[in-house]
Amino acid sequence: MSSALENKELEFVQGMRRALDESAASLPSATTARLTAARKAALARKKAEPVLVRVPSLAAAGAGAGMAALPGGLPQRRRSALARFALAWPLAALVAGLFAIAYFEDQQRTAELADIDAAMLSDDLPLTAYLDHGFNAYLTRAH
């Protein structure tokens, strides 16, 4: 953003703040007391935000084979082969499914071509009729 635009936005925000402060000063004391009580009640009901500690995955790379301690003192376990397999099997299933679909499509196309070849060879028309482009167009419209 340009600095002129940022300055205009800053001036606008400061003007709004001044106007809100002036209007808040003119409110009756009973209203301000109720607003203060409502704010305190809302802050008391506010849930505590969980503290997230992000630890790099290589933090325990040099630790022993069993348990490694995280900076917070919590133990970190190495993943077993079964846990790694549980993470990898969906990917393997997806790849196998894609291969199965490709194989099925290839088999289906081969069967269609075989049917066309069988129909052409068992037909009474001479092979020269199939070389005529108009006849090929007729065949595609007929089916």
Protein backbone atom coordinates (compact mmCIF):
# COMPACT_ATOMS: atom_id res chain seq x y z
CA MET A 1 0.00 0.00 0.00
CA SER A 2 1.17 3.53 -0.56
CA SER A 3 2.11 5.64 2.42
CA ALA A 4 -0.47 8.31 1.52
CA LEU A 5 -3.25 5.71 1.67
CA GLU A 6 -1.91 4.34 4.96
CA ASN A 7 -1.82 7.87 6.40
CA LYS A 8 -5.45 8.47 5.37
CA GLU A 9 -6.51 5.19 6.97
CA LEU A 10 -4.62 6.04 10.15
CA GLU A 11 -6.25 9.48 10.31
CA PHE A 12 -9.69 7.91 9.80
CA VAL A 13 -9.10 5.39 12.59
CA GLN A 14 -7.90 8.08 14.96
CA GLY A 15 -10.94 10.24 14.13
CA MET A 16 -13.29 7.33 14.81
CA ARG A 17 -11.52 6.65 18.09
CA ARG A 18 -11.87 10.28 19.17
CA ALA A 19 -15.58 10.32 18.23
CA LEU A 20 -16.25 7.11 20.16
CA ASP A 21 -14.37 8.41 23.21
CA GLU A 22 -16.38 11.66 23.14
CA SER A 23 -19.71 9.84 22.81
CA ALA A 24 -18.75 7.42 25.59
CA ALA A 25 -18.00 10.37 27.87
CA SER A 26 -21.52 11.70 27.38
CA LEU A 27 -23.21 8.42 28.42
CA PRO A 28 -25.01 8.33 31.77
CA SER A 29 -23.07 6.76 34.63
CA ALA A 30 -25.65 3.96 35.02
CA THR A 31 -25.09 2.91 31.41
CA THR A 32 -21.32 2.94 31.75
CA ALA A 33 -21.59 0.88 34.95
CA ARG A 34 -23.77 -1.72 33.17
CA LEU A 35 -21.33 -1.83 30.22
CA THR A 36 -18.40 -2.31 32.61
CA ALA A 37 -20.20 -5.14 34.43
CA ALA A 38 -21.10 -6.81 31.11
CA ARG A 39 -17.48 -6.59 29.93
CA LYS A 40 -16.18 -8.14 33.15
CA ALA A 41 -18.75 -10.96 32.92
CA ALA A 42 -17.80 -11.66 29.31
CA LEU A 43 -14.11 -11.77 30.18
CA ALA A 44 -14.83 -14.15 33.06
CA ARG A 45 -16.74 -16.54 30.74
CA LYS A 46 -14.07 -16.44 28.04
CA LYS A 47 -12.43 -19.80 27.51
CA ALA A 48 -8.72 -20.02 27.96
CA GLU A 49 -6.93 -20.31 24.63
CA PRO A 50 -4.82 -23.47 24.33
CA VAL A 51 -1.11 -22.90 24.18
CA LEU A 52 0.34 -24.61 21.12
CA VAL A 53 3.98 -25.60 21.19
CA ARG A 54 5.40 -26.40 17.79
CA VAL A 55 8.40 -28.68 17.82
CA PRO A 56 10.37 -29.37 14.66
CA SER A 57 10.27 -33.02 13.63
CA LEU A 58 14.06 -33.27 13.78
CA ALA A 59 14.25 -32.02 17.38
CA ALA A 60 14.75 -35.52 18.75
CA ALA A 61 16.87 -36.85 15.88
CA GLY A 62 19.96 -37.41 18.01
CA ALA A 63 18.09 -38.87 20.97
CA GLY A 64 18.19 -42.53 21.98
CA ALA A 65 16.12 -45.26 20.35
CA GLY A 66 13.41 -45.36 23.00
CA MET A 67 11.91 -42.13 24.21
CA ALA A 68 13.04 -38.60 23.49
CA ALA A 69 12.04 -35.65 25.59
CA LEU A 70 10.41 -32.66 23.96
CA PRO A 71 11.26 -29.15 25.22
CA GLY A 72 8.07 -29.17 27.32
CA GLY A 73 9.18 -32.36 29.07
CA LEU A 74 6.65 -34.55 27.25
CA PRO A 75 7.97 -37.87 25.92
CA GLN A 76 7.94 -38.47 22.19
CA ARG A 77 7.74 -42.04 20.88
CA ARG A 78 9.19 -43.22 17.63
CA ARG A 79 6.63 -44.54 15.19
CA SER A 80 6.52 -48.26 14.87
CA ALA A 81 6.56 -50.04 11.52
CA LEU A 82 2.85 -50.75 11.90
CA ALA A 83 2.06 -47.07 12.45
CA ARG A 84 4.09 -46.13 9.36
CA PHE A 85 2.26 -48.80 7.37
CA ALA A 86 -1.07 -47.42 8.59
CA LEU A 87 -0.08 -44.05 7.15
CA ALA A 88 1.13 -45.50 3.82
CA TRP A 89 -1.64 -47.98 2.97
CA PRO A 90 -4.18 -45.39 1.71
CA LEU A 91 -1.62 -44.20 -0.84
CA ALA A 92 -0.88 -47.77 -1.90
CA ALA A 93 -4.61 -48.48 -2.23
CA LEU A 94 -5.04 -45.38 -4.40
CA VAL A 95 -2.20 -46.41 -6.73
CA ALA A 96 -3.56 -49.96 -6.97
CA GLY A 97 -7.03 -48.60 -7.73
CA LEU A 98 -5.69 -46.39 -10.51
CA PHE A 99 -3.86 -49.35 -12.06
CA ALA A 100 -7.02 -51.47 -11.84
CA ILE A 101 -9.09 -48.76 -13.56
CA ALA A 102 -6.50 -48.36 -16.33
CA TYR A 103 -6.40 -52.15 -16.85
CA PHE A 104 -10.21 -52.37 -16.96
CA GLU A 105 -10.46 -49.51 -19.49
CA ASP A 106 -7.81 -51.15 -21.68
CA GLN A 107 -9.63 -54.49 -21.59
CA GLN A 108 -12.91 -52.82 -22.45
CA ARG A 109 -11.38 -50.97 -25.42
CA THR A 110 -9.73 -54.17 -26.65
CA ALA A 111 -13.08 -56.01 -26.48
CA GLU A 112 -14.82 -53.24 -28.44
CA LEU A 113 -12.16 -53.33 -31.15
CA ALA A 114 -12.41 -57.12 -31.33
CA ASP A 115 -16.18 -56.88 -31.79
CA ILE A 116 -15.74 -54.37 -34.62
CA ASP A 117 -13.12 -56.56 -36.31
CA ALA A 118 -15.33 -59.66 -35.99
CA ALA A 119 -18.31 -57.80 -37.45
CA MET A 120 -16.22 -56.55 -40.37
CA LEU A 121 -14.77 -59.98 -41.14
CA SER A 122 -18.11 -61.77 -40.92
CA ASP A 123 -19.94 -59.23 -43.10
CA ASP A 124 -20.89 -59.86 -46.74
CA LEU A 125 -19.41 -56.56 -47.94
CA PRO A 126 -16.05 -56.63 -49.69
CA LEU A 127 -13.10 -55.07 -47.90
CA THR A 128 -12.92 -52.28 -50.52
CA ALA A 129 -16.24 -50.94 -49.21
CA TYR A 130 -14.58 -50.15 -45.90
CA LEU A 131 -11.93 -48.06 -47.66
CA ASP A 132 -14.62 -45.67 -48.94
CA HIS A 133 -14.77 -42.60 -46.63
CA GLY A 134 -18.45 -42.07 -47.28
CA PHE A 135 -19.19 -45.61 -46.18
CA ASN A 136 -17.23 -45.06 -42.94
CA ALA A 137 -19.34 -41.96 -42.29
CA TYR A 138 -22.48 -44.00 -42.93
CA LEU A 139 -21.32 -46.65 -40.46
CA THR A 140 -20.66 -44.12 -37.71
CA ARG A 141 -24.12 -42.53 -38.19
CA ALA A 142 -25.86 -45.92 -38.33
CA HIS A 143 -24.63 -46.96 -34.86
